[in-house]
Amino acid sequence: MKALLCNEPGSLSVVSRPEPVRAEGEVLVRIRHVGICGTDFHIFGGKHPFLEYPRVMGHELSGTVEEAGANSSLKKGDPVYIVPYLSCGTCQACRKGLTNACRNIRVLGVHCDGGMAEYLSVPEGNVVPTGNIPLEDAAMIEFLAIGAHGVKRGNLTSADRVLVTGSGPIGMSAIIFAKARGAHVTVMDTREDRLAFAVDRLSADQTIIANGDAEAEAERQTGGEWYDVVIDATGNATPIERGFNFLAHGARYVLLSVVRQDITFADPEFHKREATLIASRNAQPDDFAEVVRQIEAGRVPTRALNTHRGRLEDGPTLFTDWLKPEAGVIKAILEV
């Protein structure tokens, strides 16, 4: 089978690999679409903290069932999406239902080879029918679930004034689900085109250019009250640290992104505001279900989000091209 292999940072090649053999309790899936995530770009750039090379990337996956067990509810040809988090089921987190934070978790395309390949065999519990959602759209369910989980972690309500920093795909997913809860959402980014998209297509309420005047503009927009919830989706330590400046008294700060280095903040100011710092990792089954509900209800502009498409065999060239800011990528999807 064909697979797209990241040999080392900056090096991709299309290789031939044996097709996986389905184990008991697994489903063999013919991968049809793979969304390219910021995580994949970080892997390609050598910036991911949890990865060893070489690696077949890909964790935003949809396809069709190729083979399932005799007692499976799935049958050959069924359209499905894959939940890419392989949890152990026995650690303390799993026993509490926090499978997304499993102590022994393996994420497809990160800790083990993923779905930038023609076939993938995964536990049946990680394979979910797409229902009425087209396969290309189903490849976006996972990244949208990341934002849905972060919004849930922040316990957003319609009374909250929310700041989302970073308007890449994960930030956009946070905007979508914050608005679904009725929150007032401001988006901060360096790119005016992304900010315009957030307002025009995602119904964000206000925007801030992330320059040296951002704090002054936020203070002006909020009347000095700042934000009840700040959600970081930048993937960069400097704006994560800057995000503390925007917290209201009693605010929650949700970190959707993860970086290699330490982050620091002014402890006296943090305590004075009695702020809460919250990590948000992966997503849980109810987050995926929420995404499916919102897509089926027509509240997620999937076609507008999916700005770039290509074929798996062109991946080595496309990755380089799509990394360029002028490419204007929001969500790129490879057809396998």
C-alpha atoms as a PDB file:
ATOM      1  CA  MET A   1       0.000   0.000   0.000  1.00  0.00           C
ATOM      2  CA  LYS A   2       1.015   3.638  -0.458  1.00  0.00           C
ATOM      3  CA  ALA A   3       1.975   5.652   2.602  1.00  0.00           C
ATOM      4  CA  LEU A   4       3.344   9.145   3.160  1.00  0.00           C
ATOM      5  CA  LEU A   5       6.332   8.877   5.497  1.00  0.00           C
ATOM      6  CA  CYS A   6       7.975  11.714   7.421  1.00  0.00           C
ATOM      7  CA  ASN A   7      11.550  10.415   7.501  1.00  0.00           C
ATOM      8  CA  GLU A   8      12.900  13.303   9.566  1.00  0.00           C
ATOM      9  CA  PRO A   9      12.049  16.973   9.976  1.00  0.00           C
ATOM     10  CA  GLY A  10      11.598  18.522   6.544  1.00  0.00           C
ATOM     11  CA  SER A  11      11.687  15.208   4.670  1.00  0.00           C
ATOM     12  CA  LEU A  12       8.611  13.429   3.275  1.00  0.00           C
ATOM     13  CA  SER A  13       8.462  10.542   0.839  1.00  0.00           C
ATOM     14  CA  VAL A  14       5.802   8.282  -0.632  1.00  0.00           C
ATOM     15  CA  VAL A  15       6.710   4.689   0.239  1.00  0.00           C
ATOM     16  CA  SER A  16       5.304   1.216  -0.280  1.00  0.00           C
ATOM     17  CA  ARG A  17       4.386  -0.724   2.854  1.00  0.00           C
ATOM     18  CA  PRO A  18       2.633  -4.025   3.533  1.00  0.00           C
ATOM     19  CA  GLU A  19      -1.085  -3.735   4.138  1.00  0.00           C
ATOM     20  CA  PRO A  20      -1.899  -4.120   7.849  1.00  0.00           C
ATOM     21  CA  VAL A  21      -3.481  -7.358   8.999  1.00  0.00           C
ATOM     22  CA  ARG A  22      -6.626  -6.892  11.065  1.00  0.00           C
ATOM     23  CA  ALA A  23      -6.262  -8.225  14.608  1.00  0.00           C
ATOM     24  CA  GLU A  24      -9.122  -9.571  16.716  1.00  0.00           C
ATOM     25  CA  GLY A  25     -11.288  -6.687  17.929  1.00  0.00           C
ATOM     26  CA  GLU A  26     -10.051  -4.373  15.193  1.00  0.00           C
ATOM     27  CA  VAL A  27     -11.519  -2.976  11.994  1.00  0.00           C
ATOM     28  CA  LEU A  28      -9.509  -2.602   8.798  1.00  0.00           C
ATOM     29  CA  VAL A  29     -10.354   0.747   7.225  1.00  0.00           C
ATOM     30  CA  ARG A  30      -9.653   1.874   3.686  1.00  0.00           C
ATOM     31  CA  ILE A  31      -8.618   5.468   4.324  1.00  0.00           C
ATOM     32  CA  ARG A  32     -10.199   7.923   1.896  1.00  0.00           C
ATOM     33  CA  HIS A  33      -9.481  11.372   3.346  1.00  0.00           C
ATOM     34  CA  VAL A  34      -6.849  12.720   5.742  1.00  0.00           C
ATOM     35  CA  GLY A  35      -7.001  16.205   7.202  1.00  0.00           C
ATOM     36  CA  ILE A  36      -3.656  17.915   7.721  1.00  0.00           C
ATOM     37  CA  CYS A  37      -3.437  19.374  11.202  1.00  0.00           C
ATOM     38  CA  GLY A  38      -1.111  21.890  12.795  1.00  0.00           C
ATOM     39  CA  THR A  39       0.293  18.860  14.603  1.00  0.00           C
ATOM     40  CA  ASP A  40       1.332  17.386  11.247  1.00  0.00           C
ATOM     41  CA  PHE A  41       3.001  20.628  10.223  1.00  0.00           C
ATOM     42  CA  HIS A  42       4.805  20.680  13.589  1.00  0.00           C
ATOM     43  CA  ILE A  43       5.976  17.097  13.024  1.00  0.00           C
ATOM     44  CA  PHE A  44       7.187  18.036   9.548  1.00  0.00           C
ATOM     45  CA  GLY A  45       8.990  21.037  11.043  1.00  0.00           C
ATOM     46  CA  GLY A  46      10.554  19.071  13.925  1.00  0.00           C
ATOM     47  CA  LYS A  47       8.619  20.963  16.598  1.00  0.00           C
ATOM     48  CA  HIS A  48       6.443  18.250  18.148  1.00  0.00           C
ATOM     49  CA  PRO A  49       7.371  17.288  21.747  1.00  0.00           C
ATOM     50  CA  PHE A  50       6.027  13.706  21.759  1.00  0.00           C
ATOM     51  CA  LEU A  51       7.308  12.162  18.529  1.00  0.00           C
ATOM     52  CA  GLU A  52      10.059   9.945  17.155  1.00  0.00           C
ATOM     53  CA  TYR A  53      10.976   9.646  13.466  1.00  0.00           C
ATOM     54  CA  PRO A  54      10.314   8.145  10.983  1.00  0.00           C
ATOM     55  CA  ARG A  55       6.546   8.428  11.270  1.00  0.00           C
ATOM     56  CA  VAL A  56       3.480   8.039   9.079  1.00  0.00           C
ATOM     57  CA  MET A  57       1.403  11.029  10.152  1.00  0.00           C
ATOM     58  CA  GLY A  58      -2.338  11.501   9.976  1.00  0.00           C
ATOM     59  CA  HIS A  59      -4.987  11.485  12.694  1.00  0.00           C
ATOM     60  CA  GLU A  60      -7.920  13.337  11.055  1.00  0.00           C
ATOM     61  CA  LEU A  61      -9.309  10.361   9.189  1.00  0.00           C
ATOM     62  CA  SER A  62     -12.322   9.103   7.292  1.00  0.00           C
ATOM     63  CA  GLY A  63     -12.791   6.101   5.054  1.00  0.00           C
ATOM     64  CA  THR A  64     -14.762   2.939   4.453  1.00  0.00           C
ATOM     65  CA  VAL A  65     -14.728  -0.365   6.271  1.00  0.00           C
ATOM     66  CA  GLU A  66     -12.638  -2.941   4.423  1.00  0.00           C
ATOM     67  CA  GLU A  67     -12.919  -5.766   6.933  1.00  0.00           C
ATOM     68  CA  ALA A  68     -14.574  -6.217  10.332  1.00  0.00           C
ATOM     69  CA  GLY A  69     -15.074  -9.085  12.754  1.00  0.00           C
ATOM     70  CA  ALA A  70     -17.897 -11.582  12.382  1.00  0.00           C
ATOM     71  CA  ASN A  71     -19.776 -10.099  15.346  1.00  0.00           C
ATOM     72  CA  SER A  72     -19.133  -6.461  14.459  1.00  0.00           C
ATOM     73  CA  SER A  73     -21.966  -4.024  13.844  1.00  0.00           C
ATOM     74  CA  LEU A  74     -19.875  -2.656  10.966  1.00  0.00           C
ATOM     75  CA  LYS A  75     -19.775  -4.172   7.498  1.00  0.00           C
ATOM     76  CA  LYS A  76     -17.605  -3.753   4.427  1.00  0.00           C
ATOM     77  CA  GLY A  77     -18.230  -0.460   2.660  1.00  0.00           C
ATOM     78  CA  ASP A  78     -19.642   1.407   5.664  1.00  0.00           C
ATOM     79  CA  PRO A  79     -18.484   5.068   5.709  1.00  0.00           C
ATOM     80  CA  VAL A  80     -16.702   5.851   8.982  1.00  0.00           C
ATOM     81  CA  TYR A  81     -14.467   8.310  10.772  1.00  0.00           C
ATOM     82  CA  ILE A  82     -11.727   7.330  13.196  1.00  0.00           C
ATOM     83  CA  VAL A  83     -11.197   8.562  16.745  1.00  0.00           C
ATOM     84  CA  PRO A  84      -7.377   8.567  16.805  1.00  0.00           C
ATOM     85  CA  TYR A  85      -6.767   8.250  20.557  1.00  0.00           C
ATOM     86  CA  LEU A  86      -5.786   4.732  21.613  1.00  0.00           C
ATOM     87  CA  SER A  87      -6.285   4.646  25.385  1.00  0.00           C
ATOM     88  CA  CYS A  88      -5.347   1.785  27.705  1.00  0.00           C
ATOM     89  CA  GLY A  89      -8.661   1.575  29.578  1.00  0.00           C
ATOM     90  CA  THR A  90      -6.984   0.668  32.877  1.00  0.00           C
ATOM     91  CA  CYS A  91      -5.052   3.700  34.159  1.00  0.00           C
ATOM     92  CA  GLN A  92      -6.484   6.128  36.716  1.00  0.00           C
ATOM     93  CA  ALA A  93      -7.559   8.622  34.041  1.00  0.00           C
ATOM     94  CA  CYS A  94      -9.304   5.943  31.980  1.00  0.00           C
ATOM     95  CA  ARG A  95     -11.059   4.569  35.053  1.00  0.00           C
ATOM     96  CA  LYS A  96     -12.464   8.061  35.633  1.00  0.00           C
ATOM     97  CA  GLY A  97     -13.621   8.319  32.036  1.00  0.00           C
ATOM     98  CA  LEU A  98     -10.823  10.694  31.016  1.00  0.00           C
ATOM     99  CA  THR A  99      -9.633   8.543  28.138  1.00  0.00           C
ATOM    100  CA  ASN A 100      -8.371  11.642  26.323  1.00  0.00           C
ATOM    101  CA  ALA A 101      -5.791  12.075  29.104  1.00  0.00           C
ATOM    102  CA  CYS A 102      -4.871   8.382  29.373  1.00  0.00           C
ATOM    103  CA  ARG A 103      -1.497   7.908  31.021  1.00  0.00           C
ATOM    104  CA  ASN A 104      -0.521   5.408  28.314  1.00  0.00           C
ATOM    105  CA  ILE A 105      -2.260   7.048  25.382  1.00  0.00           C
ATOM    106  CA  ARG A 106      -1.086   6.521  21.849  1.00  0.00           C
ATOM    107  CA  VAL A 107      -2.330   8.987  19.265  1.00  0.00           C
ATOM    108  CA  LEU A 108      -2.396   7.777  15.690  1.00  0.00           C
ATOM    109  CA  GLY A 109       0.161   9.633  13.612  1.00  0.00           C
ATOM    110  CA  VAL A 110       2.065  10.802  16.697  1.00  0.00           C
ATOM    111  CA  HIS A 111       2.985   7.948  19.045  1.00  0.00           C
ATOM    112  CA  CYS A 112       2.389   5.315  16.369  1.00  0.00           C
ATOM    113  CA  ASP A 113       1.867   5.358  12.620  1.00  0.00           C
ATOM    114  CA  GLY A 114      -1.288   7.049  11.440  1.00  0.00           C
ATOM    115  CA  GLY A 115      -3.576   7.301   8.474  1.00  0.00           C
ATOM    116  CA  MET A 116      -1.564   8.912   5.685  1.00  0.00           C
ATOM    117  CA  ALA A 117      -1.736   5.492   4.071  1.00  0.00           C
ATOM    118  CA  GLU A 118      -4.252   3.461   2.114  1.00  0.00           C
ATOM    119  CA  TYR A 119      -5.196   1.147   4.986  1.00  0.00           C
ATOM    120  CA  LEU A 120      -5.242   1.307   8.771  1.00  0.00           C
ATOM    121  CA  SER A 121      -6.361  -1.294  11.319  1.00  0.00           C
ATOM    122  CA  VAL A 122      -7.681   0.157  14.581  1.00  0.00           C
ATOM    123  CA  PRO A 123      -9.780  -1.014  17.542  1.00  0.00           C
ATOM    124  CA  GLU A 124     -13.459  -1.218  16.666  1.00  0.00           C
ATOM    125  CA  GLY A 125     -14.348   1.220  19.445  1.00  0.00           C
ATOM    126  CA  ASN A 126     -12.380   3.909  17.600  1.00  0.00           C
ATOM    127  CA  VAL A 127     -14.338   3.481  14.360  1.00  0.00           C
ATOM    128  CA  VAL A 128     -17.590   5.460  14.129  1.00  0.00           C
ATOM    129  CA  PRO A 129     -20.185   5.555  11.315  1.00  0.00           C
ATOM    130  CA  THR A 130     -20.381   8.961   9.636  1.00  0.00           C
ATOM    131  CA  GLY A 131     -24.164   8.977   9.364  1.00  0.00           C
ATOM    132  CA  ASN A 132     -25.248  11.620   6.854  1.00  0.00           C
ATOM    133  CA  ILE A 133     -21.917  13.444   6.840  1.00  0.00           C
ATOM    134  CA  PRO A 134     -19.883  13.201   3.593  1.00  0.00           C
ATOM    135  CA  LEU A 135     -16.508  11.469   3.958  1.00  0.00           C
ATOM    136  CA  GLU A 136     -14.544  14.603   3.111  1.00  0.00           C
ATOM    137  CA  ASP A 137     -16.339  16.531   5.844  1.00  0.00           C
ATOM    138  CA  ALA A 138     -15.953  13.604   8.246  1.00  0.00           C
ATOM    139  CA  ALA A 139     -12.175  14.004   8.017  1.00  0.00           C
ATOM    140  CA  MET A 140     -12.653  17.311   9.865  1.00  0.00           C
ATOM    141  CA  ILE A 141     -14.583  15.914  12.822  1.00  0.00           C
ATOM    142  CA  GLU A 142     -11.482  15.301  14.956  1.00  0.00           C
ATOM    143  CA  PHE A 143     -10.030  18.805  14.790  1.00  0.00           C
ATOM    144  CA  LEU A 144     -13.449  20.292  15.435  1.00  0.00           C
ATOM    145  CA  ALA A 145     -13.765  18.040  18.499  1.00  0.00           C
ATOM    146  CA  ILE A 146     -10.540  19.553  19.868  1.00  0.00           C
ATOM    147  CA  GLY A 147     -12.169  22.977  19.919  1.00  0.00           C
ATOM    148  CA  ALA A 148     -15.420  21.599  21.306  1.00  0.00           C
ATOM    149  CA  HIS A 149     -13.495  19.965  24.149  1.00  0.00           C
ATOM    150  CA  GLY A 150     -11.618  23.178  24.962  1.00  0.00           C
ATOM    151  CA  VAL A 151     -14.876  25.119  25.099  1.00  0.00           C
ATOM    152  CA  LYS A 152     -16.332  22.474  27.395  1.00  0.00           C
ATOM    153  CA  ARG A 153     -13.229  22.607  29.604  1.00  0.00           C
ATOM    154  CA  GLY A 154     -13.657  26.362  29.881  1.00  0.00           C
ATOM    155  CA  ASN A 155     -17.283  25.865  30.954  1.00  0.00           C
ATOM    156  CA  LEU A 156     -18.434  28.645  28.650  1.00  0.00           C
ATOM    157  CA  THR A 157     -21.869  30.205  29.003  1.00  0.00           C
ATOM    158  CA  SER A 158     -23.815  32.863  27.150  1.00  0.00           C
ATOM    159  CA  ALA A 159     -22.791  35.336  29.850  1.00  0.00           C
ATOM    160  CA  ASP A 160     -19.083  34.995  29.064  1.00  0.00           C
ATOM    161  CA  ARG A 161     -16.883  37.391  27.163  1.00  0.00           C
ATOM    162  CA  VAL A 162     -14.370  35.129  25.382  1.00  0.00           C
ATOM    163  CA  LEU A 163     -11.037  35.836  23.699  1.00  0.00           C
ATOM    164  CA  VAL A 164      -9.672  33.231  21.279  1.00  0.00           C
ATOM    165  CA  THR A 165      -6.008  33.796  20.475  1.00  0.00           C
ATOM    166  CA  GLY A 166      -4.884  32.191  17.236  1.00  0.00           C
ATOM    167  CA  SER A 167      -7.294  31.653  14.358  1.00  0.00           C
ATOM    168  CA  GLY A 168      -5.915  28.562  12.714  1.00  0.00           C
ATOM    169  CA  PRO A 169      -8.206  25.537  12.382  1.00  0.00           C
ATOM    170  CA  ILE A 170      -8.170  24.725  16.113  1.00  0.00           C
ATOM    171  CA  GLY A 171      -8.857  28.334  17.029  1.00  0.00           C
ATOM    172  CA  MET A 172     -11.664  28.418  14.499  1.00  0.00           C
ATOM    173  CA  SER A 173     -13.178  25.294  16.000  1.00  0.00           C
ATOM    174  CA  ALA A 174     -13.106  26.999  19.400  1.00  0.00           C
ATOM    175  CA  ILE A 175     -14.879  30.010  17.895  1.00  0.00           C
ATOM    176  CA  ILE A 176     -17.590  27.794  16.402  1.00  0.00           C
ATOM    177  CA  PHE A 177     -18.395  26.044  19.668  1.00  0.00           C
ATOM    178  CA  ALA A 178     -18.062  29.157  21.817  1.00  0.00           C
ATOM    179  CA  LYS A 179     -20.639  30.840  19.591  1.00  0.00           C
ATOM    180  CA  ALA A 180     -22.814  27.719  19.800  1.00  0.00           C
ATOM    181  CA  ARG A 181     -22.989  28.371  23.552  1.00  0.00           C
ATOM    182  CA  GLY A 182     -24.019  31.971  22.981  1.00  0.00           C
ATOM    183  CA  ALA A 183     -20.779  33.569  24.189  1.00  0.00           C
ATOM    184  CA  HIS A 184     -19.506  36.935  22.964  1.00  0.00           C
ATOM    185  CA  VAL A 185     -16.330  36.026  21.059  1.00  0.00           C
ATOM    186  CA  THR A 186     -13.345  38.202  20.208  1.00  0.00           C
ATOM    187  CA  VAL A 187     -10.562  36.757  18.059  1.00  0.00           C
ATOM    188  CA  MET A 188      -6.931  37.868  18.148  1.00  0.00           C
ATOM    189  CA  ASP A 189      -4.402  37.026  15.437  1.00  0.00           C
ATOM    190  CA  THR A 190      -1.648  38.611  13.386  1.00  0.00           C
ATOM    191  CA  ARG A 191      -3.403  37.831  10.098  1.00  0.00           C
ATOM    192  CA  GLU A 192      -6.182  40.120   8.967  1.00  0.00           C
ATOM    193  CA  ASP A 193      -7.501  37.567   6.445  1.00  0.00           C
ATOM    194  CA  ARG A 194      -8.059  35.028   9.220  1.00  0.00           C
ATOM    195  CA  LEU A 195      -9.791  37.629  11.370  1.00  0.00           C
ATOM    196  CA  ALA A 196     -12.078  38.583   8.483  1.00  0.00           C
ATOM    197  CA  PHE A 197     -12.957  34.904   7.958  1.00  0.00           C
ATOM    198  CA  ALA A 198     -13.744  34.525  11.665  1.00  0.00           C
ATOM    199  CA  VAL A 199     -16.243  37.380  11.475  1.00  0.00           C
ATOM    200  CA  ASP A 200     -17.731  36.668   8.049  1.00  0.00           C
ATOM    201  CA  ARG A 201     -18.021  32.872   8.230  1.00  0.00           C
ATOM    202  CA  LEU A 202     -17.892  31.981  11.939  1.00  0.00           C
ATOM    203  CA  SER A 203     -19.886  34.914  13.386  1.00  0.00           C
ATOM    204  CA  ALA A 204     -17.121  36.156  15.685  1.00  0.00           C
ATOM    205  CA  ASP A 205     -18.195  39.414  17.314  1.00  0.00           C
ATOM    206  CA  GLN A 206     -14.960  41.407  17.430  1.00  0.00           C
ATOM    207  CA  THR A 207     -11.311  41.125  16.409  1.00  0.00           C
ATOM    208  CA  ILE A 208      -7.936  42.365  17.602  1.00  0.00           C
ATOM    209  CA  ILE A 209      -4.705  42.509  15.619  1.00  0.00           C
ATOM    210  CA  ALA A 210      -1.993  40.843  17.714  1.00  0.00           C
ATOM    211  CA  ASN A 211       0.490  43.703  17.671  1.00  0.00           C
ATOM    212  CA  GLY A 212       2.010  45.913  20.339  1.00  0.00           C
ATOM    213  CA  ASP A 213      -1.304  47.699  20.896  1.00  0.00           C
ATOM    214  CA  ALA A 214      -3.376  44.561  21.492  1.00  0.00           C
ATOM    215  CA  GLU A 215      -3.741  45.053  25.251  1.00  0.00           C
ATOM    216  CA  ALA A 216      -4.854  48.646  24.817  1.00  0.00           C
ATOM    217  CA  GLU A 217      -7.398  47.626  22.181  1.00  0.00           C
ATOM    218  CA  ALA A 218      -8.728  44.801  24.371  1.00  0.00           C
ATOM    219  CA  GLU A 219      -9.029  47.161  27.319  1.00  0.00           C
ATOM    220  CA  ARG A 220     -10.930  49.610  25.119  1.00  0.00           C
ATOM    221  CA  GLN A 221     -13.276  46.944  23.745  1.00  0.00           C
ATOM    222  CA  THR A 222     -14.063  45.505  27.182  1.00  0.00           C
ATOM    223  CA  GLY A 223     -14.199  48.773  29.093  1.00  0.00           C
ATOM    224  CA  GLY A 224     -11.303  47.551  31.228  1.00  0.00           C
ATOM    225  CA  GLU A 225     -13.157  44.384  32.292  1.00  0.00           C
ATOM    226  CA  TRP A 226     -11.038  42.030  30.130  1.00  0.00           C
ATOM    227  CA  TYR A 227     -12.202  38.476  29.298  1.00  0.00           C
ATOM    228  CA  ASP A 228     -14.008  35.846  31.345  1.00  0.00           C
ATOM    229  CA  VAL A 229     -12.395  33.100  29.276  1.00  0.00           C
ATOM    230  CA  VAL A 230      -9.232  33.191  27.188  1.00  0.00           C
ATOM    231  CA  ILE A 231      -8.595  30.246  24.864  1.00  0.00           C
ATOM    232  CA  ASP A 232      -5.115  29.912  23.402  1.00  0.00           C
ATOM    233  CA  ALA A 233      -4.767  28.128  20.070  1.00  0.00           C
ATOM    234  CA  THR A 234      -1.512  29.673  18.878  1.00  0.00           C
ATOM    235  CA  GLY A 235       0.941  26.832  19.479  1.00  0.00           C
ATOM    236  CA  ASN A 236       3.565  29.401  20.422  1.00  0.00           C
ATOM    237  CA  ALA A 237       4.999  30.126  23.873  1.00  0.00           C
ATOM    238  CA  THR A 238       5.199  33.910  23.481  1.00  0.00           C
ATOM    239  CA  PRO A 239       1.466  34.510  22.845  1.00  0.00           C
ATOM    240  CA  ILE A 240       0.587  31.893  25.474  1.00  0.00           C
ATOM    241  CA  GLU A 241       2.470  33.955  28.050  1.00  0.00           C
ATOM    242  CA  ARG A 242       0.955  37.160  26.721  1.00  0.00           C
ATOM    243  CA  GLY A 243      -2.520  35.683  27.099  1.00  0.00           C
ATOM    244  CA  PHE A 244      -2.347  36.077  30.879  1.00  0.00           C
ATOM    245  CA  ASN A 245      -2.549  39.850  30.323  1.00  0.00           C
ATOM    246  CA  PHE A 246      -6.119  39.550  29.030  1.00  0.00           C
ATOM    247  CA  LEU A 247      -7.681  37.679  31.953  1.00  0.00           C
ATOM    248  CA  ALA A 248     -10.534  39.232  33.898  1.00  0.00           C
ATOM    249  CA  HIS A 249     -10.760  38.750  37.638  1.00  0.00           C
ATOM    250  CA  GLY A 250     -12.059  35.222  38.158  1.00  0.00           C
ATOM    251  CA  ALA A 251     -11.249  34.256  34.560  1.00  0.00           C
ATOM    252  CA  ARG A 252     -10.428  30.860  33.072  1.00  0.00           C
ATOM    253  CA  TYR A 253      -7.450  30.414  30.746  1.00  0.00           C
ATOM    254  CA  VAL A 254      -7.716  27.348  28.496  1.00  0.00           C
ATOM    255  CA  LEU A 255      -4.595  26.121  26.704  1.00  0.00           C
ATOM    256  CA  LEU A 256      -5.572  24.202  23.588  1.00  0.00           C
ATOM    257  CA  SER A 257      -2.058  24.255  22.174  1.00  0.00           C
ATOM    258  CA  VAL A 258       1.064  22.573  23.516  1.00  0.00           C
ATOM    259  CA  VAL A 259       4.649  23.789  23.149  1.00  0.00           C
ATOM    260  CA  ARG A 260       8.026  22.215  23.879  1.00  0.00           C
ATOM    261  CA  GLN A 261       9.339  24.918  26.186  1.00  0.00           C
ATOM    262  CA  ASP A 262       8.283  26.115  29.633  1.00  0.00           C
ATOM    263  CA  ILE A 263       5.856  28.998  29.946  1.00  0.00           C
ATOM    264  CA  THR A 264       6.039  31.609  32.711  1.00  0.00           C
ATOM    265  CA  PHE A 265       3.587  34.101  34.160  1.00  0.00           C
ATOM    266  CA  ALA A 266       3.436  36.706  36.925  1.00  0.00           C
ATOM    267  CA  ASP A 267       2.184  34.776  39.945  1.00  0.00           C
ATOM    268  CA  PRO A 268       1.083  37.795  42.061  1.00  0.00           C
ATOM    269  CA  GLU A 269      -1.144  39.097  39.272  1.00  0.00           C
ATOM    270  CA  PHE A 270      -2.501  35.605  38.588  1.00  0.00           C
ATOM    271  CA  HIS A 271      -3.423  35.190  42.256  1.00  0.00           C
ATOM    272  CA  LYS A 272      -4.870  38.679  42.534  1.00  0.00           C
ATOM    273  CA  ARG A 273      -7.269  37.831  39.753  1.00  0.00           C
ATOM    274  CA  GLU A 274      -7.966  34.342  41.172  1.00  0.00           C
ATOM    275  CA  ALA A 275      -7.663  33.024  37.641  1.00  0.00           C
ATOM    276  CA  THR A 276      -7.831  29.367  36.660  1.00  0.00           C
ATOM    277  CA  LEU A 277      -5.354  27.774  34.254  1.00  0.00           C
ATOM    278  CA  ILE A 278      -6.794  24.814  32.332  1.00  0.00           C
ATOM    279  CA  ALA A 279      -5.100  22.341  30.006  1.00  0.00           C
ATOM    280  CA  SER A 280      -7.239  20.879  27.236  1.00  0.00           C
ATOM    281  CA  ARG A 281      -5.986  17.682  25.640  1.00  0.00           C
ATOM    282  CA  ASN A 282      -7.501  15.806  22.723  1.00  0.00           C
ATOM    283  CA  ALA A 283     -11.275  15.227  22.979  1.00  0.00           C
ATOM    284  CA  GLN A 284     -13.813  12.894  24.542  1.00  0.00           C
ATOM    285  CA  PRO A 285     -16.657  10.885  22.971  1.00  0.00           C
ATOM    286  CA  ASP A 286     -19.276  13.500  23.831  1.00  0.00           C
ATOM    287  CA  ASP A 287     -17.170  16.148  22.060  1.00  0.00           C
ATOM    288  CA  PHE A 288     -17.202  14.095  18.859  1.00  0.00           C
ATOM    289  CA  ALA A 289     -20.953  13.641  19.223  1.00  0.00           C
ATOM    290  CA  GLU A 290     -21.401  17.400  19.649  1.00  0.00           C
ATOM    291  CA  VAL A 291     -19.421  18.049  16.470  1.00  0.00           C
ATOM    292  CA  VAL A 292     -21.573  15.604  14.523  1.00  0.00           C
ATOM    293  CA  ARG A 293     -24.744  17.286  15.833  1.00  0.00           C
ATOM    294  CA  GLN A 294     -23.514  20.731  14.828  1.00  0.00           C
ATOM    295  CA  ILE A 295     -22.430  19.593  11.347  1.00  0.00           C
ATOM    296  CA  GLU A 296     -25.728  17.806  10.732  1.00  0.00           C
ATOM    297  CA  ALA A 297     -27.572  20.925  11.893  1.00  0.00           C
ATOM    298  CA  GLY A 298     -25.676  22.991   9.309  1.00  0.00           C
ATOM    299  CA  ARG A 299     -23.909  25.131  11.897  1.00  0.00           C
ATOM    300  CA  VAL A 300     -20.343  24.292  10.790  1.00  0.00           C
ATOM    301  CA  PRO A 301     -19.221  25.786   7.434  1.00  0.00           C
ATOM    302  CA  THR A 302     -17.230  22.707   6.430  1.00  0.00           C
ATOM    303  CA  ARG A 303     -16.836  23.682   2.785  1.00  0.00           C
ATOM    304  CA  ALA A 304     -15.483  27.101   3.677  1.00  0.00           C
ATOM    305  CA  LEU A 305     -13.048  25.604   6.200  1.00  0.00           C
ATOM    306  CA  ASN A 306     -11.712  23.055   3.692  1.00  0.00           C
ATOM    307  CA  THR A 307      -9.727  25.517   1.576  1.00  0.00           C
ATOM    308  CA  HIS A 308      -7.137  23.167   0.041  1.00  0.00           C
ATOM    309  CA  ARG A 309      -7.274  19.650  -1.391  1.00  0.00           C
ATOM    310  CA  GLY A 310      -4.702  17.316  -2.893  1.00  0.00           C
ATOM    311  CA  ARG A 311      -3.675  13.713  -3.343  1.00  0.00           C
ATOM    312  CA  LEU A 312      -1.549  11.661  -0.963  1.00  0.00           C
ATOM    313  CA  GLU A 313       1.130  10.994  -3.573  1.00  0.00           C
ATOM    314  CA  ASP A 314       1.651  14.747  -3.988  1.00  0.00           C
ATOM    315  CA  GLY A 315       2.154  15.195  -0.239  1.00  0.00           C
ATOM    316  CA  PRO A 316       5.922  15.896  -0.309  1.00  0.00           C
ATOM    317  CA  THR A 317       5.360  18.949  -2.515  1.00  0.00           C
ATOM    318  CA  LEU A 318       2.051  20.038  -1.029  1.00  0.00           C
ATOM    319  CA  PHE A 319       3.332  20.145   2.561  1.00  0.00           C
ATOM    320  CA  THR A 320       6.016  22.640   1.589  1.00  0.00           C
ATOM    321  CA  ASP A 321       3.611  24.735  -0.468  1.00  0.00           C
ATOM    322  CA  TRP A 322       0.832  24.737   2.126  1.00  0.00           C
ATOM    323  CA  LEU A 323       3.154  25.888   4.902  1.00  0.00           C
ATOM    324  CA  LYS A 324       3.647  29.233   3.153  1.00  0.00           C
ATOM    325  CA  PRO A 325       1.435  31.975   4.646  1.00  0.00           C
ATOM    326  CA  GLU A 326       0.535  33.214   1.181  1.00  0.00           C
ATOM    327  CA  ALA A 327      -1.104  29.845   0.461  1.00  0.00           C
ATOM    328  CA  GLY A 328      -3.972  30.907   2.721  1.00  0.00           C
ATOM    329  CA  VAL A 329      -4.573  27.417   4.079  1.00  0.00           C
ATOM    330  CA  ILE A 330      -7.236  26.965   6.727  1.00  0.00           C
ATOM    331  CA  LYS A 331      -7.849  23.224   6.454  1.00  0.00           C
ATOM    332  CA  ALA A 332      -6.087  21.069   3.860  1.00  0.00           C
ATOM    333  CA  ILE A 333      -7.287  17.538   3.127  1.00  0.00           C
ATOM    334  CA  LEU A 334      -5.487  14.781   1.238  1.00  0.00           C
ATOM    335  CA  GLU A 335      -7.425  12.248  -0.793  1.00  0.00           C
ATOM    336  CA  VAL A 336      -5.970   8.756  -0.466  1.00  0.00           C
END
